[in-house]
Amino acid sequence: MSKATILRCLEEIASKLVELRAAVEKLPEAIEEMPAGPLASQGSKDTTSDQLQAVQFVDKQQLQPLVAKAFAEMGIQGEPVGAEKVQEMIAACGVKPEDNVFSRGIIEMREE
């Protein structure tokens, strides 16, 4: 696999991520109010711990149709593929894991 091909793949992935981010930003807030817990009784407000706990209470049943719609709009179909399967697919294309091609590409993009 050539460097140009890999860069083209990364550009396609980046484009899809931009589309996904836009779709997610359109989603309504789906975080339910949490009952007051030990952090609330200590008087903490807007702490990272509070925010992390709130994420645990997202109603995934409400999100599923919204995510399905976003995926359909982006043309994403089928069942998710596990990480091991993705690694096998990448290896089948001739990419060697020890080359760290994707990591290097991400690092280069960060340095721009």
PDB file of N, CA and C in Angstrom:
ATOM      1  N   MET A   1       0.858  -1.166   0.000  1.00  0.00           N
ATOM      2  CA  MET A   1       0.000   0.000   0.000  1.00  0.00           C
ATOM      3  C   MET A   1       0.907   1.232   0.000  1.00  0.00           C
ATOM      4  N   SER A   2       0.633   2.148  -0.892  1.00  0.00           N
ATOM      5  CA  SER A   2       1.482   3.330  -1.016  1.00  0.00           C
ATOM      6  C   SER A   2       1.100   4.397   0.014  1.00  0.00           C
ATOM      7  N   LYS A   3       2.008   5.296   0.223  1.00  0.00           N
ATOM      8  CA  LYS A   3       1.767   6.400   1.151  1.00  0.00           C
ATOM      9  C   LYS A   3       0.574   7.224   0.677  1.00  0.00           C
ATOM     10  N   ALA A   4       0.477   7.454  -0.615  1.00  0.00           N
ATOM     11  CA  ALA A   4      -0.634   8.239  -1.162  1.00  0.00           C
ATOM     12  C   ALA A   4      -1.970   7.560  -0.880  1.00  0.00           C
ATOM     13  N   THR A   5      -2.012   6.236  -1.008  1.00  0.00           N
ATOM     14  CA  THR A   5      -3.241   5.492  -0.740  1.00  0.00           C
ATOM     15  C   THR A   5      -3.631   5.608   0.727  1.00  0.00           C
ATOM     16  N   ILE A   6      -2.656   5.485   1.590  1.00  0.00           N
ATOM     17  CA  ILE A   6      -2.920   5.594   3.032  1.00  0.00           C
ATOM     18  C   ILE A   6      -3.411   6.997   3.366  1.00  0.00           C
ATOM     19  N   LEU A   7      -2.769   8.007   2.806  1.00  0.00           N
ATOM     20  CA  LEU A   7      -3.200   9.383   3.069  1.00  0.00           C
ATOM     21  C   LEU A   7      -4.617   9.621   2.559  1.00  0.00           C
ATOM     22  N   ARG A   8      -4.952   9.037   1.416  1.00  0.00           N
ATOM     23  CA  ARG A   8      -6.297   9.171   0.869  1.00  0.00           C
ATOM     24  C   ARG A   8      -7.308   8.506   1.819  1.00  0.00           C
ATOM     25  N   CYS A   9      -6.961   7.346   2.345  1.00  0.00           N
ATOM     26  CA  CYS A   9      -7.829   6.654   3.307  1.00  0.00           C
ATOM     27  C   CYS A   9      -8.027   7.507   4.557  1.00  0.00           C
ATOM     28  N   LEU A  10      -6.951   8.093   5.044  1.00  0.00           N
ATOM     29  CA  LEU A  10      -7.053   8.948   6.226  1.00  0.00           C
ATOM     30  C   LEU A  10      -7.942  10.165   5.968  1.00  0.00           C
ATOM     31  N   GLU A  11      -7.848  10.727   4.767  1.00  0.00           N
ATOM     32  CA  GLU A  11      -8.700  11.863   4.414  1.00  0.00           C
ATOM     33  C   GLU A  11     -10.167  11.457   4.388  1.00  0.00           C
ATOM     34  N   GLU A  12     -10.448  10.258   3.869  1.00  0.00           N
ATOM     35  CA  GLU A  12     -11.820   9.766   3.854  1.00  0.00           C
ATOM     36  C   GLU A  12     -12.336   9.559   5.271  1.00  0.00           C
ATOM     37  N   ILE A  13     -11.495   8.994   6.136  1.00  0.00           N
ATOM     38  CA  ILE A  13     -11.888   8.781   7.530  1.00  0.00           C
ATOM     39  C   ILE A  13     -12.150  10.125   8.203  1.00  0.00           C
ATOM     40  N   ALA A  14     -11.263  11.081   7.986  1.00  0.00           N
ATOM     41  CA  ALA A  14     -11.423  12.410   8.594  1.00  0.00           C
ATOM     42  C   ALA A  14     -12.723  13.052   8.122  1.00  0.00           C
ATOM     43  N   SER A  15     -13.044  12.883   6.850  1.00  0.00           N
ATOM     44  CA  SER A  15     -14.275  13.441   6.299  1.00  0.00           C
ATOM     45  C   SER A  15     -15.498  12.817   6.969  1.00  0.00           C
ATOM     46  N   LYS A  16     -15.466  11.494   7.134  1.00  0.00           N
ATOM     47  CA  LYS A  16     -16.584  10.804   7.789  1.00  0.00           C
ATOM     48  C   LYS A  16     -16.711  11.236   9.243  1.00  0.00           C
ATOM     49  N   LEU A  17     -15.579  11.461   9.920  1.00  0.00           N
ATOM     50  CA  LEU A  17     -15.620  11.921  11.306  1.00  0.00           C
ATOM     51  C   LEU A  17     -16.248  13.305  11.410  1.00  0.00           C
ATOM     52  N   VAL A  18     -15.953  14.170  10.454  1.00  0.00           N
ATOM     53  CA  VAL A  18     -16.555  15.506  10.446  1.00  0.00           C
ATOM     54  C   VAL A  18     -18.068  15.377  10.293  1.00  0.00           C
ATOM     55  N   GLU A  19     -18.505  14.499   9.391  1.00  0.00           N
ATOM     56  CA  GLU A  19     -19.937  14.280   9.190  1.00  0.00           C
ATOM     57  C   GLU A  19     -20.582  13.711  10.450  1.00  0.00           C
ATOM     58  N   LEU A  20     -19.907  12.762  11.083  1.00  0.00           N
ATOM     59  CA  LEU A  20     -20.440  12.159  12.296  1.00  0.00           C
ATOM     60  C   LEU A  20     -20.536  13.187  13.413  1.00  0.00           C
ATOM     61  N   ARG A  21     -19.506  14.016  13.553  1.00  0.00           N
ATOM     62  CA  ARG A  21     -19.529  15.056  14.587  1.00  0.00           C
ATOM     63  C   ARG A  21     -20.703  16.006  14.365  1.00  0.00           C
ATOM     64  N   ALA A  22     -20.931  16.411  13.112  1.00  0.00           N
ATOM     65  CA  ALA A  22     -22.043  17.304  12.806  1.00  0.00           C
ATOM     66  C   ALA A  22     -23.373  16.650  13.157  1.00  0.00           C
ATOM     67  N   ALA A  23     -23.507  15.366  12.860  1.00  0.00           N
ATOM     68  CA  ALA A  23     -24.744  14.651  13.176  1.00  0.00           C
ATOM     69  C   ALA A  23     -24.944  14.559  14.683  1.00  0.00           C
ATOM     70  N   VAL A  24     -23.883  14.281  15.423  1.00  0.00           N
ATOM     71  CA  VAL A  24     -23.981  14.155  16.877  1.00  0.00           C
ATOM     72  C   VAL A  24     -24.319  15.505  17.502  1.00  0.00           C
ATOM     73  N   GLU A  25     -23.764  16.578  16.964  1.00  0.00           N
ATOM     74  CA  GLU A  25     -24.052  17.905  17.514  1.00  0.00           C
ATOM     75  C   GLU A  25     -25.514  18.283  17.341  1.00  0.00           C
ATOM     76  N   LYS A  26     -26.191  17.688  16.362  1.00  0.00           N
ATOM     77  CA  LYS A  26     -27.617  17.955  16.143  1.00  0.00           C
ATOM     78  C   LYS A  26     -28.506  17.160  17.092  1.00  0.00           C
ATOM     79  N   LEU A  27     -27.933  16.148  17.763  1.00  0.00           N
ATOM     80  CA  LEU A  27     -28.720  15.315  18.664  1.00  0.00           C
ATOM     81  C   LEU A  27     -29.201  16.133  19.857  1.00  0.00           C
ATOM     82  N   PRO A  28     -30.419  15.833  20.330  1.00  0.00           N
ATOM     83  CA  PRO A  28     -30.873  16.513  21.550  1.00  0.00           C
ATOM     84  C   PRO A  28     -30.109  15.971  22.749  1.00  0.00           C
ATOM     85  N   GLU A  29     -30.111  16.748  23.808  1.00  0.00           N
ATOM     86  CA  GLU A  29     -29.461  16.288  25.027  1.00  0.00           C
ATOM     87  C   GLU A  29     -30.217  15.060  25.521  1.00  0.00           C
ATOM     88  N   ALA A  30     -29.507  13.977  25.797  1.00  0.00           N
ATOM     89  CA  ALA A  30     -30.153  12.736  26.221  1.00  0.00           C
ATOM     90  C   ALA A  30     -29.699  12.311  27.605  1.00  0.00           C
ATOM     91  N   ILE A  31     -29.041  13.195  28.303  1.00  0.00           N
ATOM     92  CA  ILE A  31     -28.564  12.870  29.644  1.00  0.00           C
ATOM     93  C   ILE A  31     -29.680  13.186  30.624  1.00  0.00           C
ATOM     94  N   GLU A  32     -30.070  12.175  31.390  1.00  0.00           N
ATOM     95  CA  GLU A  32     -31.128  12.362  32.376  1.00  0.00           C
ATOM     96  C   GLU A  32     -30.539  12.955  33.650  1.00  0.00           C
ATOM     97  N   GLU A  33     -31.384  13.641  34.389  1.00  0.00           N
ATOM     98  CA  GLU A  33     -30.943  14.216  35.649  1.00  0.00           C
ATOM     99  C   GLU A  33     -30.592  13.102  36.624  1.00  0.00           C
ATOM    100  N   MET A  34     -29.487  13.276  37.326  1.00  0.00           N
ATOM    101  CA  MET A  34     -29.056  12.289  38.312  1.00  0.00           C
ATOM    102  C   MET A  34     -29.598  12.678  39.677  1.00  0.00           C
ATOM    103  N   PRO A  35     -29.915  11.697  40.492  1.00  0.00           N
ATOM    104  CA  PRO A  35     -30.257  12.026  41.876  1.00  0.00           C
ATOM    105  C   PRO A  35     -29.022  12.571  42.580  1.00  0.00           C
ATOM    106  N   ALA A  36     -29.252  13.391  43.575  1.00  0.00           N
ATOM    107  CA  ALA A  36     -28.118  13.965  44.304  1.00  0.00           C
ATOM    108  C   ALA A  36     -27.313  12.853  44.951  1.00  0.00           C
ATOM    109  N   GLY A  37     -26.016  12.880  44.699  1.00  0.00           N
ATOM    110  CA  GLY A  37     -25.134  11.852  45.244  1.00  0.00           C
ATOM    111  C   GLY A  37     -24.186  12.442  46.250  1.00  0.00           C
ATOM    112  N   PRO A  38     -23.173  11.692  46.626  1.00  0.00           N
ATOM    113  CA  PRO A  38     -22.232  12.172  47.641  1.00  0.00           C
ATOM    114  C   PRO A  38     -21.493  13.431  47.209  1.00  0.00           C
ATOM    115  N   LEU A  39     -21.244  13.585  45.906  1.00  0.00           N
ATOM    116  CA  LEU A  39     -20.544  14.786  45.456  1.00  0.00           C
ATOM    117  C   LEU A  39     -21.410  16.026  45.636  1.00  0.00           C
ATOM    118  N   ALA A  40     -22.707  15.885  45.406  1.00  0.00           N
ATOM    119  CA  ALA A  40     -23.603  17.030  45.568  1.00  0.00           C
ATOM    120  C   ALA A  40     -23.667  17.455  47.028  1.00  0.00           C
ATOM    121  N   SER A  41     -23.625  16.493  47.941  1.00  0.00           N
ATOM    122  CA  SER A  41     -23.695  16.840  49.351  1.00  0.00           C
ATOM    123  C   SER A  41     -22.421  17.522  49.842  1.00  0.00           C
ATOM    124  N   GLN A  42     -21.330  17.363  49.097  1.00  0.00           N
ATOM    125  CA  GLN A  42     -20.075  18.014  49.464  1.00  0.00           C
ATOM    126  C   GLN A  42     -19.991  19.425  48.910  1.00  0.00           C
ATOM    127  N   GLY A  43     -21.000  19.822  48.135  1.00  0.00           N
ATOM    128  CA  GLY A  43     -21.033  21.176  47.628  1.00  0.00           C
ATOM    129  C   GLY A  43     -20.219  21.387  46.369  1.00  0.00           C
ATOM    130  N   SER A  44     -19.781  20.347  45.701  1.00  0.00           N
ATOM    131  CA  SER A  44     -19.005  20.538  44.477  1.00  0.00           C
ATOM    132  C   SER A  44     -19.945  20.861  43.327  1.00  0.00           C
ATOM    133  N   LYS A  45     -19.479  21.722  42.430  1.00  0.00           N
ATOM    134  CA  LYS A  45     -20.299  22.116  41.292  1.00  0.00           C
ATOM    135  C   LYS A  45     -19.466  22.031  40.026  1.00  0.00           C
ATOM    136  N   ASP A  46     -20.068  21.466  38.980  1.00  0.00           N
ATOM    137  CA  ASP A  46     -19.430  21.394  37.670  1.00  0.00           C
ATOM    138  C   ASP A  46     -18.023  20.812  37.715  1.00  0.00           C
ATOM    139  N   THR A  47     -17.825  19.789  38.503  1.00  0.00           N
ATOM    140  CA  THR A  47     -16.511  19.158  38.539  1.00  0.00           C
ATOM    141  C   THR A  47     -16.448  18.079  37.482  1.00  0.00           C
ATOM    142  N   THR A  48     -15.262  17.664  37.144  1.00  0.00           N
ATOM    143  CA  THR A  48     -15.081  16.593  36.161  1.00  0.00           C
ATOM    144  C   THR A  48     -15.749  15.323  36.647  1.00  0.00           C
ATOM    145  N   SER A  49     -15.671  15.035  37.925  1.00  0.00           N
ATOM    146  CA  SER A  49     -16.298  13.828  38.472  1.00  0.00           C
ATOM    147  C   SER A  49     -17.802  13.859  38.249  1.00  0.00           C
ATOM    148  N   ASP A  50     -18.424  15.023  38.475  1.00  0.00           N
ATOM    149  CA  ASP A  50     -19.865  15.156  38.243  1.00  0.00           C
ATOM    150  C   ASP A  50     -20.187  14.885  36.774  1.00  0.00           C
ATOM    151  N   GLN A  51     -19.396  15.446  35.888  1.00  0.00           N
ATOM    152  CA  GLN A  51     -19.638  15.275  34.461  1.00  0.00           C
ATOM    153  C   GLN A  51     -19.470  13.820  34.050  1.00  0.00           C
ATOM    154  N   LEU A  52     -18.463  13.137  34.578  1.00  0.00           N
ATOM    155  CA  LEU A  52     -18.243  11.738  34.234  1.00  0.00           C
ATOM    156  C   LEU A  52     -19.382  10.867  34.741  1.00  0.00           C
ATOM    157  N   GLN A  53     -19.901  11.160  35.918  1.00  0.00           N
ATOM    158  CA  GLN A  53     -21.022  10.393  36.433  1.00  0.00           C
ATOM    159  C   GLN A  53     -22.253  10.598  35.565  1.00  0.00           C
ATOM    160  N   ALA A  54     -22.473  11.804  35.070  1.00  0.00           N
ATOM    161  CA  ALA A  54     -23.646  12.090  34.243  1.00  0.00           C
ATOM    162  C   ALA A  54     -23.615  11.274  32.962  1.00  0.00           C
ATOM    163  N   VAL A  55     -22.468  11.067  32.399  1.00  0.00           N
ATOM    164  CA  VAL A  55     -22.344  10.303  31.164  1.00  0.00           C
ATOM    165  C   VAL A  55     -22.811   8.876  31.368  1.00  0.00           C
ATOM    166  N   GLN A  56     -22.629   8.331  32.541  1.00  0.00           N
ATOM    167  CA  GLN A  56     -23.043   6.962  32.825  1.00  0.00           C
ATOM    168  C   GLN A  56     -24.555   6.800  32.792  1.00  0.00           C
ATOM    169  N   PHE A  57     -25.307   7.889  32.853  1.00  0.00           N
ATOM    170  CA  PHE A  57     -26.755   7.813  32.915  1.00  0.00           C
ATOM    171  C   PHE A  57     -27.433   8.175  31.601  1.00  0.00           C
ATOM    172  N   VAL A  58     -26.700   8.150  30.519  1.00  0.00           N
ATOM    173  CA  VAL A  58     -27.292   8.412  29.217  1.00  0.00           C
ATOM    174  C   VAL A  58     -28.212   7.252  28.871  1.00  0.00           C
ATOM    175  N   ASP A  59     -29.425   7.565  28.441  1.00  0.00           N
ATOM    176  CA  ASP A  59     -30.373   6.525  28.053  1.00  0.00           C
ATOM    177  C   ASP A  59     -30.051   6.064  26.639  1.00  0.00           C
ATOM    178  N   LYS A  60     -29.375   4.946  26.532  1.00  0.00           N
ATOM    179  CA  LYS A  60     -28.939   4.445  25.232  1.00  0.00           C
ATOM    180  C   LYS A  60     -30.120   4.059  24.350  1.00  0.00           C
ATOM    181  N   GLN A  61     -31.236   3.708  24.939  1.00  0.00           N
ATOM    182  CA  GLN A  61     -32.427   3.365  24.151  1.00  0.00           C
ATOM    183  C   GLN A  61     -32.900   4.579  23.359  1.00  0.00           C
ATOM    184  N   GLN A  62     -32.804   5.766  23.931  1.00  0.00           N
ATOM    185  CA  GLN A  62     -33.214   6.982  23.233  1.00  0.00           C
ATOM    186  C   GLN A  62     -32.211   7.361  22.148  1.00  0.00           C
ATOM    187  N   LEU A  63     -30.936   7.040  22.365  1.00  0.00           N
ATOM    188  CA  LEU A  63     -29.902   7.401  21.395  1.00  0.00           C
ATOM    189  C   LEU A  63     -29.881   6.480  20.178  1.00  0.00           C
ATOM    190  N   GLN A  64     -30.257   5.224  20.339  1.00  0.00           N
ATOM    191  CA  GLN A  64     -30.143   4.253  19.256  1.00  0.00           C
ATOM    192  C   GLN A  64     -30.818   4.697  17.960  1.00  0.00           C
ATOM    193  N   PRO A  65     -32.066   5.176  17.977  1.00  0.00           N
ATOM    194  CA  PRO A  65     -32.665   5.596  16.702  1.00  0.00           C
ATOM    195  C   PRO A  65     -31.958   6.812  16.095  1.00  0.00           C
ATOM    196  N   LEU A  66     -31.455   7.692  16.943  1.00  0.00           N
ATOM    197  CA  LEU A  66     -30.764   8.878  16.438  1.00  0.00           C
ATOM    198  C   LEU A  66     -29.439   8.504  15.774  1.00  0.00           C
ATOM    199  N   VAL A  67     -28.704   7.599  16.400  1.00  0.00           N
ATOM    200  CA  VAL A  67     -27.438   7.142  15.836  1.00  0.00           C
ATOM    201  C   VAL A  67     -27.699   6.355  14.561  1.00  0.00           C
ATOM    202  N   ALA A  68     -28.742   5.518  14.565  1.00  0.00           N
ATOM    203  CA  ALA A  68     -29.092   4.746  13.362  1.00  0.00           C
ATOM    204  C   ALA A  68     -29.410   5.685  12.200  1.00  0.00           C
ATOM    205  N   LYS A  69     -30.130   6.756  12.488  1.00  0.00           N
ATOM    206  CA  LYS A  69     -30.474   7.731  11.442  1.00  0.00           C
ATOM    207  C   LYS A  69     -29.208   8.420  10.925  1.00  0.00           C
ATOM    208  N   ALA A  70     -28.321   8.808  11.841  1.00  0.00           N
ATOM    209  CA  ALA A  70     -27.071   9.470  11.437  1.00  0.00           C
ATOM    210  C   ALA A  70     -26.233   8.538  10.573  1.00  0.00           C
ATOM    211  N   PHE A  71     -26.136   7.274  10.984  1.00  0.00           N
ATOM    212  CA  PHE A  71     -25.375   6.302  10.192  1.00  0.00           C
ATOM    213  C   PHE A  71     -25.996   6.121   8.814  1.00  0.00           C
ATOM    214  N   ALA A  72     -27.325   6.050   8.749  1.00  0.00           N
ATOM    215  CA  ALA A  72     -28.009   5.878   7.463  1.00  0.00           C
ATOM    216  C   ALA A  72     -27.730   7.069   6.551  1.00  0.00           C
ATOM    217  N   GLU A  73     -27.738   8.279   7.113  1.00  0.00           N
ATOM    218  CA  GLU A  73     -27.460   9.480   6.317  1.00  0.00           C
ATOM    219  C   GLU A  73     -26.034   9.478   5.778  1.00  0.00           C
ATOM    220  N   MET A  74     -25.109   8.851   6.515  1.00  0.00           N
ATOM    221  CA  MET A  74     -23.716   8.787   6.082  1.00  0.00           C
ATOM    222  C   MET A  74     -23.432   7.554   5.228  1.00  0.00           C
ATOM    223  N   GLY A  75     -24.439   6.705   5.061  1.00  0.00           N
ATOM    224  CA  GLY A  75     -24.246   5.507   4.251  1.00  0.00           C
ATOM    225  C   GLY A  75     -23.540   4.377   4.975  1.00  0.00           C
ATOM    226  N   ILE A  76     -23.522   4.426   6.290  1.00  0.00           N
ATOM    227  CA  ILE A  76     -22.882   3.373   7.077  1.00  0.00           C
ATOM    228  C   ILE A  76     -23.912   2.287   7.324  1.00  0.00           C
ATOM    229  N   GLN A  77     -23.580   1.056   6.933  1.00  0.00           N
ATOM    230  CA  GLN A  77     -24.525  -0.056   7.052  1.00  0.00           C
ATOM    231  C   GLN A  77     -23.859  -1.246   7.720  1.00  0.00           C
ATOM    232  N   GLY A  78     -24.675  -2.189   8.149  1.00  0.00           N
ATOM    233  CA  GLY A  78     -24.169  -3.454   8.655  1.00  0.00           C
ATOM    234  C   GLY A  78     -23.809  -3.422  10.121  1.00  0.00           C
ATOM    235  N   GLU A  79     -23.347  -4.568  10.563  1.00  0.00           N
ATOM    236  CA  GLU A  79     -22.952  -4.723  11.956  1.00  0.00           C
ATOM    237  C   GLU A  79     -21.543  -4.163  12.172  1.00  0.00           C
ATOM    238  N   PRO A  80     -21.272  -3.658  13.361  1.00  0.00           N
ATOM    239  CA  PRO A  80     -19.919  -3.172  13.659  1.00  0.00           C
ATOM    240  C   PRO A  80     -18.891  -4.294  13.519  1.00  0.00           C
ATOM    241  N   VAL A  81     -17.705  -3.920  13.115  1.00  0.00           N
ATOM    242  CA  VAL A  81     -16.614  -4.871  12.968  1.00  0.00           C
ATOM    243  C   VAL A  81     -15.696  -4.678  14.166  1.00  0.00           C
ATOM    244  N   GLY A  82     -15.291  -5.767  14.781  1.00  0.00           N
ATOM    245  CA  GLY A  82     -14.416  -5.690  15.947  1.00  0.00           C
ATOM    246  C   GLY A  82     -13.010  -5.242  15.586  1.00  0.00           C
ATOM    247  N   ALA A  83     -12.263  -4.830  16.583  1.00  0.00           N
ATOM    248  CA  ALA A  83     -10.900  -4.329  16.380  1.00  0.00           C
ATOM    249  C   ALA A  83      -9.996  -5.378  15.740  1.00  0.00           C
ATOM    250  N   GLU A  84     -10.130  -6.624  16.166  1.00  0.00           N
ATOM    251  CA  GLU A  84      -9.281  -7.675  15.597  1.00  0.00           C
ATOM    252  C   GLU A  84      -9.565  -7.862  14.109  1.00  0.00           C
ATOM    253  N   LYS A  85     -10.837  -7.798  13.728  1.00  0.00           N
ATOM    254  CA  LYS A  85     -11.205  -7.948  12.314  1.00  0.00           C
ATOM    255  C   LYS A  85     -10.634  -6.779  11.503  1.00  0.00           C
ATOM    256  N   VAL A  86     -10.700  -5.584  12.054  1.00  0.00           N
ATOM    257  CA  VAL A  86     -10.143  -4.416  11.360  1.00  0.00           C
ATOM    258  C   VAL A  86      -8.641  -4.606  11.162  1.00  0.00           C
ATOM    259  N   GLN A  87      -7.959  -5.086  12.182  1.00  0.00           N
ATOM    260  CA  GLN A  87      -6.522  -5.331  12.072  1.00  0.00           C
ATOM    261  C   GLN A  87      -6.223  -6.361  10.992  1.00  0.00           C
ATOM    262  N   GLU A  88      -7.064  -7.400  10.916  1.00  0.00           N
ATOM    263  CA  GLU A  88      -6.889  -8.412   9.869  1.00  0.00           C
ATOM    264  C   GLU A  88      -7.087  -7.798   8.481  1.00  0.00           C
ATOM    265  N   MET A  89      -8.097  -6.948   8.353  1.00  0.00           N
ATOM    266  CA  MET A  89      -8.390  -6.309   7.066  1.00  0.00           C
ATOM    267  C   MET A  89      -7.240  -5.398   6.635  1.00  0.00           C
ATOM    268  N   ILE A  90      -6.697  -4.661   7.585  1.00  0.00           N
ATOM    269  CA  ILE A  90      -5.578  -3.762   7.276  1.00  0.00           C
ATOM    270  C   ILE A  90      -4.359  -4.585   6.864  1.00  0.00           C
ATOM    271  N   ALA A  91      -4.096  -5.668   7.589  1.00  0.00           N
ATOM    272  CA  ALA A  91      -2.963  -6.533   7.258  1.00  0.00           C
ATOM    273  C   ALA A  91      -3.144  -7.149   5.868  1.00  0.00           C
ATOM    274  N   ALA A  92      -4.379  -7.505   5.518  1.00  0.00           N
ATOM    275  CA  ALA A  92      -4.654  -8.090   4.201  1.00  0.00           C
ATOM    276  C   ALA A  92      -4.359  -7.105   3.078  1.00  0.00           C
ATOM    277  N   CYS A  93      -4.385  -5.811   3.398  1.00  0.00           N
ATOM    278  CA  CYS A  93      -4.071  -4.776   2.403  1.00  0.00           C
ATOM    279  C   CYS A  93      -2.568  -4.546   2.294  1.00  0.00           C
ATOM    280  N   GLY A  94      -1.789  -5.250   3.100  1.00  0.00           N
ATOM    281  CA  GLY A  94      -0.336  -5.147   3.005  1.00  0.00           C
ATOM    282  C   GLY A  94       0.312  -4.198   3.997  1.00  0.00           C
ATOM    283  N   VAL A  95      -0.477  -3.657   4.922  1.00  0.00           N
ATOM    284  CA  VAL A  95       0.085  -2.744   5.922  1.00  0.00           C
ATOM    285  C   VAL A  95       0.665  -3.587   7.058  1.00  0.00           C
ATOM    286  N   LYS A  96       1.904  -3.315   7.401  1.00  0.00           N
ATOM    287  CA  LYS A  96       2.574  -4.046   8.482  1.00  0.00           C
ATOM    288  C   LYS A  96       2.396  -3.276   9.789  1.00  0.00           C
ATOM    289  N   PRO A  97       1.901  -3.930  10.835  1.00  0.00           N
ATOM    290  CA  PRO A  97       1.679  -3.245  12.109  1.00  0.00           C
ATOM    291  C   PRO A  97       2.934  -2.590  12.668  1.00  0.00           C
ATOM    292  N   GLU A  98       4.085  -3.231  12.462  1.00  0.00           N
ATOM    293  CA  GLU A  98       5.327  -2.688  13.022  1.00  0.00           C
ATOM    294  C   GLU A  98       5.753  -1.378  12.359  1.00  0.00           C
ATOM    295  N   ASP A  99       5.163  -1.044  11.198  1.00  0.00           N
ATOM    296  CA  ASP A  99       5.502   0.208  10.511  1.00  0.00           C
ATOM    297  C   ASP A  99       4.835   1.422  11.162  1.00  0.00           C
ATOM    298  N   ASN A 100       3.783   1.205  11.937  1.00  0.00           N
ATOM    299  CA  ASN A 100       3.061   2.291  12.620  1.00  0.00           C
ATOM    300  C   ASN A 100       2.652   3.412  11.664  1.00  0.00           C
ATOM    301  N   VAL A 101       2.227   3.053  10.463  1.00  0.00           N
ATOM    302  CA  VAL A 101       1.906   4.039   9.434  1.00  0.00           C
ATOM    303  C   VAL A 101       0.787   4.976   9.887  1.00  0.00           C
ATOM    304  N   PHE A 102      -0.263   4.421  10.463  1.00  0.00           N
ATOM    305  CA  PHE A 102      -1.385   5.254  10.872  1.00  0.00           C
ATOM    306  C   PHE A 102      -0.996   6.179  12.017  1.00  0.00           C
ATOM    307  N   SER A 103      -0.263   5.657  12.986  1.00  0.00           N
ATOM    308  CA  SER A 103       0.186   6.496  14.101  1.00  0.00           C
ATOM    309  C   SER A 103       1.054   7.636  13.603  1.00  0.00           C
ATOM    310  N   ARG A 104       1.944   7.347  12.674  1.00  0.00           N
ATOM    311  CA  ARG A 104       2.801   8.395  12.127  1.00  0.00           C
ATOM    312  C   ARG A 104       1.971   9.464  11.415  1.00  0.00           C
ATOM    313  N   GLY A 105       0.972   9.026  10.677  1.00  0.00           N
ATOM    314  CA  GLY A 105       0.106   9.975   9.976  1.00  0.00           C
ATOM    315  C   GLY A 105      -0.625  10.882  10.932  1.00  0.00           C
ATOM    316  N   ILE A 106      -1.114  10.308  12.021  1.00  0.00           N
ATOM    317  CA  ILE A 106      -1.824  11.123  13.027  1.00  0.00           C
ATOM    318  C   ILE A 106      -0.859  12.102  13.675  1.00  0.00           C
ATOM    319  N   ILE A 107       0.324  11.646  14.005  1.00  0.00           N
ATOM    320  CA  ILE A 107       1.323  12.527  14.631  1.00  0.00           C
ATOM    321  C   ILE A 107       1.698  13.669  13.668  1.00  0.00           C
ATOM    322  N   GLU A 108       1.882  13.340  12.399  1.00  0.00           N
ATOM    323  CA  GLU A 108       2.213  14.369  11.409  1.00  0.00           C
ATOM    324  C   GLU A 108       1.086  15.393  11.303  1.00  0.00           C
ATOM    325  N   MET A 109      -0.149  14.927  11.318  1.00  0.00           N
ATOM    326  CA  MET A 109      -1.286  15.847  11.231  1.00  0.00           C
ATOM    327  C   MET A 109      -1.348  16.755  12.451  1.00  0.00           C
ATOM    328  N   ARG A 110      -1.042  16.231  13.624  1.00  0.00           N
ATOM    329  CA  ARG A 110      -1.045  17.045  14.844  1.00  0.00           C
ATOM    330  C   ARG A 110       0.020  18.117  14.788  1.00  0.00           C
ATOM    331  N   GLU A 111       1.162  17.792  14.161  1.00  0.00           N
ATOM    332  CA  GLU A 111       2.288  18.731  14.123  1.00  0.00           C
ATOM    333  C   GLU A 111       2.100  19.838  13.093  1.00  0.00           C
ATOM    334  N   GLU A 112       1.113  19.690  12.212  1.00  0.00           N
ATOM    335  CA  GLU A 112       0.894  20.722  11.178  1.00  0.00           C
ATOM    336  C   GLU A 112       0.372  21.998  11.764  1.00  0.00           C
TER     337      GLU A 112
END
